[in-house]
Amino acid sequence: MTDLIDKKIGITQTFEFPTVYISQGKMLKQETLLAENSKNITKNEIMREVSETYYNMLHALQTVNLLLQQDSIYADFLQKATTRYNIGESGQLEKMNAESKFHENRLQLNQALATLDSRQLEMQKLLNTDEAVLPLEIELHKLPDFILLDITSVSSNPLIGYLDQQLSVNAAQISVEKNKLLPDIFGGYYFTDTKAPGFQVGISVPLFFGAQRSKIKAANIKSRQIDIERQQVVQSLQNAYSVQYNEYLKAKESLTYYETTGITQANDIARIANASYQIGEIGYMEYIQNLQTAIGIKLQYAEAMNRFNQSIILLNYLNGNQ
């Protein structure tokens, strides 16, 4: 009996519609850009932290140096007051006053040294190093001052760019999901025992679209959520910029006073006090008090300079222009 069974062997492969692959490629490019924007957010944050810590460290170093100057003055004052007391030229009150000023300044100096050490450790952590870090400069300098009250400048903040890119990624995702509504394409190769090999090509149309349409709807909802979040972030950054701009104006006014008047007066006080003491116009106690006043003004100037610089750093961070 003749075997009439026709054995058929073949291979088939199903492909999604070509536009699906095109849209997926575009989505991958948008996701790559999103990763770049995420990196920019981290970079902006690190630059702010490093700048803040550097200028805080420089301020701490300058404070230490000024207090060391004052420490030498008070040590000399204490030595002379003790000698005058021992030989009966002054009373105990002068000696006690000298001791009080010396120890009070020494306490401030120790605290300033501890602050400097903390700033160094912060910088080491940020730079990921175990080596001690100290600035090459010994005095604070003023950062460039090109700040305007322009709250729209926060649009350059990397966080806004990141959210904008999220919208682009989501739009690309919607495009992918819509293209998946198109029919699949399949092709096959087969051969039988009795016939020549053949090819088969066709399309596969899904009968139900509910699941795919739900994905599109979900992606559209996500886009609206991202847009709302972006609006909230912009408002928050603009408010923060306005508040910080006011702090910058106060810091600038204070710094301007010390630059135009304060430091000049401090130098004049120290110079005149020294000359007056040398010719005997003032006593040692008054001489010390004037030197204390001069150094106190310089400490306040250093504080004003640091507040000004910190305000500039934060404004540059908010508008992404570091």
C-alpha atoms as a PDB file:
ATOM      1  CA  MET A   1       0.000   0.000   0.000  1.00  0.00           C
ATOM      2  CA  THR A   2       1.393   3.329  -1.014  1.00  0.00           C
ATOM      3  CA  ASP A   3       2.105   5.880   1.797  1.00  0.00           C
ATOM      4  CA  LEU A   4       0.043   8.980   0.821  1.00  0.00           C
ATOM      5  CA  ILE A   5       1.036  11.052   3.822  1.00  0.00           C
ATOM      6  CA  ASP A   6       2.761  14.294   2.726  1.00  0.00           C
ATOM      7  CA  LYS A   7       5.243  15.296   5.411  1.00  0.00           C
ATOM      8  CA  LYS A   8       5.719  19.099   5.715  1.00  0.00           C
ATOM      9  CA  ILE A   9       8.565  20.747   7.609  1.00  0.00           C
ATOM     10  CA  GLY A  10       9.098  24.492   7.851  1.00  0.00           C
ATOM     11  CA  ILE A  11      10.366  27.493   9.803  1.00  0.00           C
ATOM     12  CA  THR A  12       8.338  30.632  10.437  1.00  0.00           C
ATOM     13  CA  GLN A  13       9.301  33.938  11.987  1.00  0.00           C
ATOM     14  CA  THR A  14       7.026  36.744  13.121  1.00  0.00           C
ATOM     15  CA  PHE A  15       8.137  40.374  12.990  1.00  0.00           C
ATOM     16  CA  GLU A  16       6.518  43.458  14.346  1.00  0.00           C
ATOM     17  CA  PHE A  17       5.632  46.185  11.894  1.00  0.00           C
ATOM     18  CA  PRO A  18       8.836  48.044  10.791  1.00  0.00           C
ATOM     19  CA  THR A  19       7.696  51.339  12.317  1.00  0.00           C
ATOM     20  CA  VAL A  20       7.754  49.648  15.746  1.00  0.00           C
ATOM     21  CA  TYR A  21      11.523  49.106  15.495  1.00  0.00           C
ATOM     22  CA  ILE A  22      12.038  52.641  14.223  1.00  0.00           C
ATOM     23  CA  SER A  23      10.085  54.110  17.136  1.00  0.00           C
ATOM     24  CA  GLN A  24      11.917  51.855  19.616  1.00  0.00           C
ATOM     25  CA  GLY A  25      15.243  53.129  18.274  1.00  0.00           C
ATOM     26  CA  LYS A  26      14.131  56.713  18.775  1.00  0.00           C
ATOM     27  CA  MET A  27      12.988  55.905  22.312  1.00  0.00           C
ATOM     28  CA  LEU A  28      16.395  54.409  23.156  1.00  0.00           C
ATOM     29  CA  LYS A  29      18.076  57.614  21.978  1.00  0.00           C
ATOM     30  CA  GLN A  30      15.769  59.668  24.195  1.00  0.00           C
ATOM     31  CA  GLU A  31      16.553  57.402  27.165  1.00  0.00           C
ATOM     32  CA  THR A  32      20.274  57.926  26.536  1.00  0.00           C
ATOM     33  CA  LEU A  33      19.709  61.689  26.648  1.00  0.00           C
ATOM     34  CA  LEU A  34      17.742  61.231  29.872  1.00  0.00           C
ATOM     35  CA  ALA A  35      20.740  59.500  31.452  1.00  0.00           C
ATOM     36  CA  GLU A  36      22.916  62.447  30.392  1.00  0.00           C
ATOM     37  CA  ASN A  37      20.483  64.868  32.027  1.00  0.00           C
ATOM     38  CA  SER A  38      20.555  62.819  35.208  1.00  0.00           C
ATOM     39  CA  LYS A  39      24.346  63.088  35.198  1.00  0.00           C
ATOM     40  CA  ASN A  40      24.061  66.875  34.835  1.00  0.00           C
ATOM     41  CA  ILE A  41      21.882  67.057  37.953  1.00  0.00           C
ATOM     42  CA  THR A  42      24.531  65.185  39.947  1.00  0.00           C
ATOM     43  CA  LYS A  43      27.299  67.351  38.479  1.00  0.00           C
ATOM     44  CA  ASN A  44      25.472  70.567  39.424  1.00  0.00           C
ATOM     45  CA  GLU A  45      24.950  69.317  42.975  1.00  0.00           C
ATOM     46  CA  ILE A  46      28.579  68.232  43.416  1.00  0.00           C
ATOM     47  CA  MET A  47      29.887  71.559  42.076  1.00  0.00           C
ATOM     48  CA  ARG A  48      27.715  73.426  44.581  1.00  0.00           C
ATOM     49  CA  GLU A  49      28.879  71.265  47.486  1.00  0.00           C
ATOM     50  CA  VAL A  50      32.557  71.550  46.535  1.00  0.00           C
ATOM     51  CA  SER A  51      32.334  75.328  46.050  1.00  0.00           C
ATOM     52  CA  GLU A  52      30.474  75.869  49.319  1.00  0.00           C
ATOM     53  CA  THR A  53      32.921  73.699  51.246  1.00  0.00           C
ATOM     54  CA  TYR A  54      35.963  75.323  49.630  1.00  0.00           C
ATOM     55  CA  TYR A  55      34.911  78.858  50.524  1.00  0.00           C
ATOM     56  CA  ASN A  56      33.800  77.791  53.989  1.00  0.00           C
ATOM     57  CA  MET A  57      37.227  76.208  54.451  1.00  0.00           C
ATOM     58  CA  LEU A  58      38.943  79.351  53.196  1.00  0.00           C
ATOM     59  CA  HIS A  59      36.856  81.442  55.595  1.00  0.00           C
ATOM     60  CA  ALA A  60      37.739  79.116  58.474  1.00  0.00           C
ATOM     61  CA  LEU A  61      41.445  79.392  57.590  1.00  0.00           C
ATOM     62  CA  GLN A  62      41.303  83.189  57.504  1.00  0.00           C
ATOM     63  CA  THR A  63      39.469  83.223  60.840  1.00  0.00           C
ATOM     64  CA  VAL A  64      42.194  81.050  62.366  1.00  0.00           C
ATOM     65  CA  ASN A  65      44.916  83.356  61.068  1.00  0.00           C
ATOM     66  CA  LEU A  66      43.213  86.463  62.468  1.00  0.00           C
ATOM     67  CA  LEU A  67      42.627  84.819  65.830  1.00  0.00           C
ATOM     68  CA  LEU A  68      46.286  83.726  65.890  1.00  0.00           C
ATOM     69  CA  GLN A  69      47.250  87.385  65.472  1.00  0.00           C
ATOM     70  CA  GLN A  70      44.951  88.296  68.308  1.00  0.00           C
ATOM     71  CA  ASP A  71      46.333  85.421  70.387  1.00  0.00           C
ATOM     72  CA  SER A  72      49.831  86.913  70.120  1.00  0.00           C
ATOM     73  CA  ILE A  73      48.494  90.327  71.148  1.00  0.00           C
ATOM     74  CA  TYR A  74      46.685  88.942  74.199  1.00  0.00           C
ATOM     75  CA  ALA A  75      49.620  86.739  75.176  1.00  0.00           C
ATOM     76  CA  ASP A  76      51.845  89.837  75.180  1.00  0.00           C
ATOM     77  CA  PHE A  77      49.167  91.770  77.057  1.00  0.00           C
ATOM     78  CA  LEU A  78      48.917  89.028  79.684  1.00  0.00           C
ATOM     79  CA  GLN A  79      52.679  88.857  80.119  1.00  0.00           C
ATOM     80  CA  LYS A  80      52.990  92.604  80.623  1.00  0.00           C
ATOM     81  CA  ALA A  81      49.951  92.780  82.916  1.00  0.00           C
ATOM     82  CA  THR A  82      51.360  89.956  85.048  1.00  0.00           C
ATOM     83  CA  THR A  83      54.741  91.685  85.265  1.00  0.00           C
ATOM     84  CA  ARG A  84      53.134  95.028  86.187  1.00  0.00           C
ATOM     85  CA  TYR A  85      51.041  93.306  88.845  1.00  0.00           C
ATOM     86  CA  ASN A  86      54.036  91.460  90.307  1.00  0.00           C
ATOM     87  CA  ILE A  87      56.062  94.665  90.675  1.00  0.00           C
ATOM     88  CA  GLY A  88      53.091  96.575  92.024  1.00  0.00           C
ATOM     89  CA  GLU A  89      52.558  98.935  89.086  1.00  0.00           C
ATOM     90  CA  SER A  90      48.975  97.797  88.507  1.00  0.00           C
ATOM     91  CA  GLY A  91      46.156  96.169  90.381  1.00  0.00           C
ATOM     92  CA  GLN A  92      44.737  92.681  90.135  1.00  0.00           C
ATOM     93  CA  LEU A  93      41.854  93.881  87.942  1.00  0.00           C
ATOM     94  CA  GLU A  94      44.171  94.590  84.990  1.00  0.00           C
ATOM     95  CA  LYS A  95      45.766  91.168  85.316  1.00  0.00           C
ATOM     96  CA  MET A  96      42.369  89.449  85.541  1.00  0.00           C
ATOM     97  CA  ASN A  97      41.162  91.369  82.492  1.00  0.00           C
ATOM     98  CA  ALA A  98      44.239  90.289  80.523  1.00  0.00           C
ATOM     99  CA  GLU A  99      43.736  86.658  81.549  1.00  0.00           C
ATOM    100  CA  SER A 100      40.069  86.798  80.589  1.00  0.00           C
ATOM    101  CA  LYS A 101      40.746  88.202  77.118  1.00  0.00           C
ATOM    102  CA  PHE A 102      43.588  85.743  76.522  1.00  0.00           C
ATOM    103  CA  HIS A 103      41.549  82.666  77.475  1.00  0.00           C
ATOM    104  CA  GLU A 104      38.430  83.872  75.668  1.00  0.00           C
ATOM    105  CA  ASN A 105      40.396  84.364  72.463  1.00  0.00           C
ATOM    106  CA  ARG A 106      42.158  81.013  72.924  1.00  0.00           C
ATOM    107  CA  LEU A 107      38.730  79.332  73.182  1.00  0.00           C
ATOM    108  CA  GLN A 108      37.597  81.029  69.973  1.00  0.00           C
ATOM    109  CA  LEU A 109      40.843  79.975  68.304  1.00  0.00           C
ATOM    110  CA  ASN A 110      40.383  76.336  69.320  1.00  0.00           C
ATOM    111  CA  GLN A 111      36.825  76.393  67.997  1.00  0.00           C
ATOM    112  CA  ALA A 112      38.007  77.945  64.738  1.00  0.00           C
ATOM    113  CA  LEU A 113      40.674  75.244  64.389  1.00  0.00           C
ATOM    114  CA  ALA A 114      38.017  72.567  64.943  1.00  0.00           C
ATOM    115  CA  THR A 115      35.825  74.197  62.301  1.00  0.00           C
ATOM    116  CA  LEU A 116      38.735  74.280  59.864  1.00  0.00           C
ATOM    117  CA  ASP A 117      39.382  70.598  60.525  1.00  0.00           C
ATOM    118  CA  SER A 118      35.719  69.801  59.829  1.00  0.00           C
ATOM    119  CA  ARG A 119      35.826  71.735  56.569  1.00  0.00           C
ATOM    120  CA  GLN A 120      38.930  69.805  55.541  1.00  0.00           C
ATOM    121  CA  LEU A 121      37.226  66.482  56.269  1.00  0.00           C
ATOM    122  CA  GLU A 122      34.180  67.572  54.258  1.00  0.00           C
ATOM    123  CA  MET A 123      36.403  68.445  51.310  1.00  0.00           C
ATOM    124  CA  GLN A 124      38.302  65.158  51.583  1.00  0.00           C
ATOM    125  CA  LYS A 125      35.003  63.297  51.473  1.00  0.00           C
ATOM    126  CA  LEU A 126      33.825  65.222  48.417  1.00  0.00           C
ATOM    127  CA  LEU A 127      37.144  64.677  46.633  1.00  0.00           C
ATOM    128  CA  ASN A 128      37.331  61.068  47.825  1.00  0.00           C
ATOM    129  CA  THR A 129      40.845  61.396  49.224  1.00  0.00           C
ATOM    130  CA  ASP A 130      42.545  60.620  52.529  1.00  0.00           C
ATOM    131  CA  GLU A 131      45.118  63.368  52.079  1.00  0.00           C
ATOM    132  CA  ALA A 132      44.712  66.650  53.935  1.00  0.00           C
ATOM    133  CA  VAL A 133      43.281  69.393  51.743  1.00  0.00           C
ATOM    134  CA  LEU A 134      44.097  73.055  52.242  1.00  0.00           C
ATOM    135  CA  PRO A 135      43.514  75.942  49.828  1.00  0.00           C
ATOM    136  CA  LEU A 136      46.543  77.568  48.266  1.00  0.00           C
ATOM    137  CA  GLU A 137      45.051  80.961  49.113  1.00  0.00           C
ATOM    138  CA  ILE A 138      45.156  82.344  52.627  1.00  0.00           C
ATOM    139  CA  GLU A 139      42.508  85.024  52.203  1.00  0.00           C
ATOM    140  CA  LEU A 140      38.990  85.030  50.866  1.00  0.00           C
ATOM    141  CA  HIS A 141      38.406  86.630  47.500  1.00  0.00           C
ATOM    142  CA  LYS A 142      35.190  87.929  46.038  1.00  0.00           C
ATOM    143  CA  LEU A 143      33.430  85.776  43.455  1.00  0.00           C
ATOM    144  CA  PRO A 144      32.376  87.407  40.151  1.00  0.00           C
ATOM    145  CA  ASP A 145      29.224  89.429  40.659  1.00  0.00           C
ATOM    146  CA  PHE A 146      27.003  89.288  37.562  1.00  0.00           C
ATOM    147  CA  ILE A 147      23.700  88.468  39.237  1.00  0.00           C
ATOM    148  CA  LEU A 148      20.342  89.798  38.063  1.00  0.00           C
ATOM    149  CA  LEU A 149      16.862  89.252  39.456  1.00  0.00           C
ATOM    150  CA  ASP A 150      15.710  86.978  36.648  1.00  0.00           C
ATOM    151  CA  ILE A 151      13.664  84.080  37.984  1.00  0.00           C
ATOM    152  CA  THR A 152      13.282  82.684  34.465  1.00  0.00           C
ATOM    153  CA  SER A 153      17.000  81.840  34.547  1.00  0.00           C
ATOM    154  CA  VAL A 154      16.151  78.734  36.594  1.00  0.00           C
ATOM    155  CA  SER A 155      14.982  77.169  33.327  1.00  0.00           C
ATOM    156  CA  SER A 156      18.674  76.327  32.830  1.00  0.00           C
ATOM    157  CA  ASN A 157      18.687  74.212  35.982  1.00  0.00           C
ATOM    158  CA  PRO A 158      19.523  70.590  35.052  1.00  0.00           C
ATOM    159  CA  LEU A 159      16.479  69.368  36.968  1.00  0.00           C
ATOM    160  CA  ILE A 160      14.214  71.192  34.500  1.00  0.00           C
ATOM    161  CA  GLY A 161      16.162  69.699  31.615  1.00  0.00           C
ATOM    162  CA  TYR A 162      15.748  66.261  33.155  1.00  0.00           C
ATOM    163  CA  LEU A 163      11.961  66.638  33.413  1.00  0.00           C
ATOM    164  CA  ASP A 164      11.781  67.985  29.854  1.00  0.00           C
ATOM    165  CA  GLN A 165      13.687  64.924  28.701  1.00  0.00           C
ATOM    166  CA  GLN A 166      11.353  62.666  30.662  1.00  0.00           C
ATOM    167  CA  LEU A 167       8.522  64.136  28.623  1.00  0.00           C
ATOM    168  CA  SER A 168      10.448  63.342  25.438  1.00  0.00           C
ATOM    169  CA  VAL A 169      11.052  59.765  26.583  1.00  0.00           C
ATOM    170  CA  ASN A 170       7.392  59.319  27.436  1.00  0.00           C
ATOM    171  CA  ALA A 171       6.342  60.764  24.063  1.00  0.00           C
ATOM    172  CA  ALA A 172       8.636  58.237  22.389  1.00  0.00           C
ATOM    173  CA  GLN A 173       7.105  55.474  24.510  1.00  0.00           C
ATOM    174  CA  ILE A 174       3.612  56.506  23.379  1.00  0.00           C
ATOM    175  CA  SER A 175       4.787  56.339  19.771  1.00  0.00           C
ATOM    176  CA  VAL A 176       6.092  52.810  20.347  1.00  0.00           C
ATOM    177  CA  GLU A 177       2.837  51.647  21.920  1.00  0.00           C
ATOM    178  CA  LYS A 178       0.755  53.173  19.095  1.00  0.00           C
ATOM    179  CA  ASN A 179       2.881  51.481  16.460  1.00  0.00           C
ATOM    180  CA  LYS A 180       2.309  48.143  18.182  1.00  0.00           C
ATOM    181  CA  LEU A 181      -1.336  48.468  17.171  1.00  0.00           C
ATOM    182  CA  LEU A 182      -0.214  47.786  13.592  1.00  0.00           C
ATOM    183  CA  PRO A 183      -0.331  44.170  12.355  1.00  0.00           C
ATOM    184  CA  ASP A 184       2.625  41.840  12.721  1.00  0.00           C
ATOM    185  CA  ILE A 185       4.386  40.463   9.676  1.00  0.00           C
ATOM    186  CA  PHE A 186       5.331  36.819   9.431  1.00  0.00           C
ATOM    187  CA  GLY A 187       7.304  34.847   6.924  1.00  0.00           C
ATOM    188  CA  GLY A 188       8.166  31.176   6.574  1.00  0.00           C
ATOM    189  CA  TYR A 189      10.135  28.630   4.636  1.00  0.00           C
ATOM    190  CA  TYR A 190       8.899  25.069   4.222  1.00  0.00           C
ATOM    191  CA  PHE A 191       9.442  21.936   2.214  1.00  0.00           C
ATOM    192  CA  THR A 192       7.640  18.581   1.814  1.00  0.00           C
ATOM    193  CA  ASP A 193       8.505  15.123   0.620  1.00  0.00           C
ATOM    194  CA  THR A 194       6.619  15.540  -2.617  1.00  0.00           C
ATOM    195  CA  LYS A 195       6.872  19.200  -3.461  1.00  0.00           C
ATOM    196  CA  ALA A 196       9.561  21.776  -4.037  1.00  0.00           C
ATOM    197  CA  PRO A 197      10.451  24.119  -1.113  1.00  0.00           C
ATOM    198  CA  GLY A 198       8.229  27.149  -0.727  1.00  0.00           C
ATOM    199  CA  PHE A 199       7.892  30.473   0.998  1.00  0.00           C
ATOM    200  CA  GLN A 200       4.999  31.992   2.891  1.00  0.00           C
ATOM    201  CA  VAL A 201       4.509  35.672   3.826  1.00  0.00           C
ATOM    202  CA  GLY A 202       1.542  37.296   5.545  1.00  0.00           C
ATOM    203  CA  ILE A 203       0.270  39.630   8.208  1.00  0.00           C
ATOM    204  CA  SER A 204      -1.190  38.904  11.608  1.00  0.00           C
ATOM    205  CA  VAL A 205      -3.940  41.218  12.790  1.00  0.00           C
ATOM    206  CA  PRO A 206      -4.834  41.067  16.504  1.00  0.00           C
ATOM    207  CA  LEU A 207      -8.530  40.776  17.241  1.00  0.00           C
ATOM    208  CA  PHE A 208      -8.408  42.671  20.519  1.00  0.00           C
ATOM    209  CA  PHE A 209      -6.669  45.996  21.198  1.00  0.00           C
ATOM    210  CA  GLY A 210      -7.825  46.639  24.761  1.00  0.00           C
ATOM    211  CA  ALA A 211      -4.510  45.878  26.505  1.00  0.00           C
ATOM    212  CA  GLN A 212      -2.480  47.957  24.060  1.00  0.00           C
ATOM    213  CA  ARG A 213      -4.850  50.909  24.254  1.00  0.00           C
ATOM    214  CA  SER A 214      -4.589  50.762  28.066  1.00  0.00           C
ATOM    215  CA  LYS A 215      -0.818  51.077  27.782  1.00  0.00           C
ATOM    216  CA  ILE A 216      -1.218  54.142  25.563  1.00  0.00           C
ATOM    217  CA  LYS A 217      -3.674  55.687  27.997  1.00  0.00           C
ATOM    218  CA  ALA A 218      -1.328  55.031  30.922  1.00  0.00           C
ATOM    219  CA  ALA A 219       1.569  56.653  29.038  1.00  0.00           C
ATOM    220  CA  ASN A 220      -0.554  59.730  28.309  1.00  0.00           C
ATOM    221  CA  ILE A 221      -1.478  60.016  31.991  1.00  0.00           C
ATOM    222  CA  LYS A 222       2.204  59.758  32.905  1.00  0.00           C
ATOM    223  CA  SER A 223       3.004  62.638  30.535  1.00  0.00           C
ATOM    224  CA  ARG A 224       0.466  64.837  32.287  1.00  0.00           C
ATOM    225  CA  GLN A 225       1.923  63.876  35.664  1.00  0.00           C
ATOM    226  CA  ILE A 226       5.448  64.761  34.508  1.00  0.00           C
ATOM    227  CA  ASP A 227       4.201  68.091  33.144  1.00  0.00           C
ATOM    228  CA  ILE A 228       2.521  68.928  36.480  1.00  0.00           C
ATOM    229  CA  GLU A 229       5.700  67.962  38.361  1.00  0.00           C
ATOM    230  CA  ARG A 230       7.726  70.183  36.030  1.00  0.00           C
ATOM    231  CA  GLN A 231       5.467  73.156  36.727  1.00  0.00           C
ATOM    232  CA  GLN A 232       5.818  72.580  40.478  1.00  0.00           C
ATOM    233  CA  VAL A 233       9.612  72.302  40.253  1.00  0.00           C
ATOM    234  CA  VAL A 234       9.852  75.504  38.180  1.00  0.00           C
ATOM    235  CA  GLN A 235       7.719  77.365  40.734  1.00  0.00           C
ATOM    236  CA  SER A 236       9.796  76.019  43.613  1.00  0.00           C
ATOM    237  CA  LEU A 237      13.085  76.984  41.951  1.00  0.00           C
ATOM    238  CA  GLN A 238      11.789  80.452  41.085  1.00  0.00           C
ATOM    239  CA  ASN A 239      10.672  81.025  44.683  1.00  0.00           C
ATOM    240  CA  ALA A 240      14.019  79.803  45.994  1.00  0.00           C
ATOM    241  CA  TYR A 241      15.843  82.081  43.543  1.00  0.00           C
ATOM    242  CA  SER A 242      13.803  85.121  44.660  1.00  0.00           C
ATOM    243  CA  VAL A 243      14.496  84.407  48.335  1.00  0.00           C
ATOM    244  CA  GLN A 244      18.187  83.814  47.716  1.00  0.00           C
ATOM    245  CA  TYR A 245      18.449  86.946  45.593  1.00  0.00           C
ATOM    246  CA  ASN A 246      17.274  88.995  48.588  1.00  0.00           C
ATOM    247  CA  GLU A 247      19.923  87.289  50.725  1.00  0.00           C
ATOM    248  CA  TYR A 248      22.480  88.138  48.059  1.00  0.00           C
ATOM    249  CA  LEU A 249      21.472  91.834  48.146  1.00  0.00           C
ATOM    250  CA  LYS A 250      21.864  91.930  51.941  1.00  0.00           C
ATOM    251  CA  ALA A 251      25.226  90.191  51.755  1.00  0.00           C
ATOM    252  CA  LYS A 252      26.363  92.552  49.001  1.00  0.00           C
ATOM    253  CA  GLU A 253      25.356  95.637  51.013  1.00  0.00           C
ATOM    254  CA  SER A 254      27.241  94.376  54.046  1.00  0.00           C
ATOM    255  CA  LEU A 255      30.330  93.478  52.017  1.00  0.00           C
ATOM    256  CA  THR A 256      30.297  96.833  50.238  1.00  0.00           C
ATOM    257  CA  TYR A 257      30.396  98.606  53.605  1.00  0.00           C
ATOM    258  CA  TYR A 258      33.501  96.705  54.698  1.00  0.00           C
ATOM    259  CA  GLU A 259      35.168  97.143  51.304  1.00  0.00           C
ATOM    260  CA  THR A 260      34.587 100.905  51.186  1.00  0.00           C
ATOM    261  CA  THR A 261      34.723 101.826  54.867  1.00  0.00           C
ATOM    262  CA  GLY A 262      35.181  99.008  57.364  1.00  0.00           C
ATOM    263  CA  ILE A 263      38.578  97.655  56.352  1.00  0.00           C
ATOM    264  CA  THR A 264      40.004 101.140  55.872  1.00  0.00           C
ATOM    265  CA  GLN A 265      38.891 102.037  59.384  1.00  0.00           C
ATOM    266  CA  ALA A 266      40.345  98.810  60.783  1.00  0.00           C
ATOM    267  CA  ASN A 267      43.725  99.514  59.220  1.00  0.00           C
ATOM    268  CA  ASP A 268      43.623 103.138  60.395  1.00  0.00           C
ATOM    269  CA  ILE A 269      42.703 102.111  63.949  1.00  0.00           C
ATOM    270  CA  ALA A 270      45.607  99.658  64.112  1.00  0.00           C
ATOM    271  CA  ARG A 271      48.061 102.154  62.578  1.00  0.00           C
ATOM    272  CA  ILE A 272      47.048 105.118  64.771  1.00  0.00           C
ATOM    273  CA  ALA A 273      46.893 102.974  67.918  1.00  0.00           C
ATOM    274  CA  ASN A 274      50.383 101.690  67.298  1.00  0.00           C
ATOM    275  CA  ALA A 275      51.775 105.192  66.636  1.00  0.00           C
ATOM    276  CA  SER A 276      49.963 106.665  69.638  1.00  0.00           C
ATOM    277  CA  TYR A 277      51.248 103.957  71.931  1.00  0.00           C
ATOM    278  CA  GLN A 278      54.805 104.396  70.698  1.00  0.00           C
ATOM    279  CA  ILE A 279      54.807 108.109  71.570  1.00  0.00           C
ATOM    280  CA  GLY A 280      52.975 107.607  74.836  1.00  0.00           C
ATOM    281  CA  GLU A 281      49.634 109.205  73.930  1.00  0.00           C
ATOM    282  CA  ILE A 282      47.701 106.105  75.013  1.00  0.00           C
ATOM    283  CA  GLY A 283      48.356 103.398  77.556  1.00  0.00           C
ATOM    284  CA  TYR A 284      48.817  99.709  76.930  1.00  0.00           C
ATOM    285  CA  MET A 285      45.249  98.850  77.850  1.00  0.00           C
ATOM    286  CA  GLU A 286      43.819 101.290  75.314  1.00  0.00           C
ATOM    287  CA  TYR A 287      46.344 100.110  72.758  1.00  0.00           C
ATOM    288  CA  ILE A 288      45.177  96.485  73.162  1.00  0.00           C
ATOM    289  CA  GLN A 289      41.527  97.491  72.965  1.00  0.00           C
ATOM    290  CA  ASN A 290      42.104  99.296  69.668  1.00  0.00           C
ATOM    291  CA  LEU A 291      43.959  96.319  68.188  1.00  0.00           C
ATOM    292  CA  GLN A 292      41.096  94.097  69.300  1.00  0.00           C
ATOM    293  CA  THR A 293      38.634  96.398  67.539  1.00  0.00           C
ATOM    294  CA  ALA A 294      40.682  96.341  64.328  1.00  0.00           C
ATOM    295  CA  ILE A 295      40.907  92.555  64.236  1.00  0.00           C
ATOM    296  CA  GLY A 296      37.223  92.276  65.121  1.00  0.00           C
ATOM    297  CA  ILE A 297      36.349  94.353  62.055  1.00  0.00           C
ATOM    298  CA  LYS A 298      38.521  92.112  59.889  1.00  0.00           C
ATOM    299  CA  LEU A 299      36.759  89.035  61.267  1.00  0.00           C
ATOM    300  CA  GLN A 300      33.405  90.591  60.400  1.00  0.00           C
ATOM    301  CA  TYR A 301      34.706  91.439  56.938  1.00  0.00           C
ATOM    302  CA  ALA A 302      35.725  87.813  56.407  1.00  0.00           C
ATOM    303  CA  GLU A 303      32.270  86.678  57.523  1.00  0.00           C
ATOM    304  CA  ALA A 304      30.584  89.177  55.169  1.00  0.00           C
ATOM    305  CA  MET A 305      32.773  88.012  52.282  1.00  0.00           C
ATOM    306  CA  ASN A 306      31.875  84.379  52.905  1.00  0.00           C
ATOM    307  CA  ARG A 307      28.140  85.129  53.129  1.00  0.00           C
ATOM    308  CA  PHE A 308      28.387  87.000  49.826  1.00  0.00           C
ATOM    309  CA  ASN A 309      30.249  84.149  48.120  1.00  0.00           C
ATOM    310  CA  GLN A 310      27.849  81.532  49.464  1.00  0.00           C
ATOM    311  CA  SER A 311      24.892  83.515  48.094  1.00  0.00           C
ATOM    312  CA  ILE A 312      26.548  83.653  44.660  1.00  0.00           C
ATOM    313  CA  ILE A 313      27.233  79.904  44.744  1.00  0.00           C
ATOM    314  CA  LEU A 314      23.623  79.071  45.587  1.00  0.00           C
ATOM    315  CA  LEU A 315      22.199  81.418  42.929  1.00  0.00           C
ATOM    316  CA  ASN A 316      24.484  79.844  40.322  1.00  0.00           C
ATOM    317  CA  TYR A 317      23.348  76.412  41.489  1.00  0.00           C
ATOM    318  CA  LEU A 318      19.668  77.354  41.142  1.00  0.00           C
ATOM    319  CA  ASN A 319      20.086  78.600  37.578  1.00  0.00           C
ATOM    320  CA  GLY A 320      22.563  75.864  36.614  1.00  0.00           C
ATOM    321  CA  ASN A 321      25.342  78.279  35.645  1.00  0.00           C
ATOM    322  CA  GLN A 322      28.174  76.996  37.827  1.00  0.00           C
END
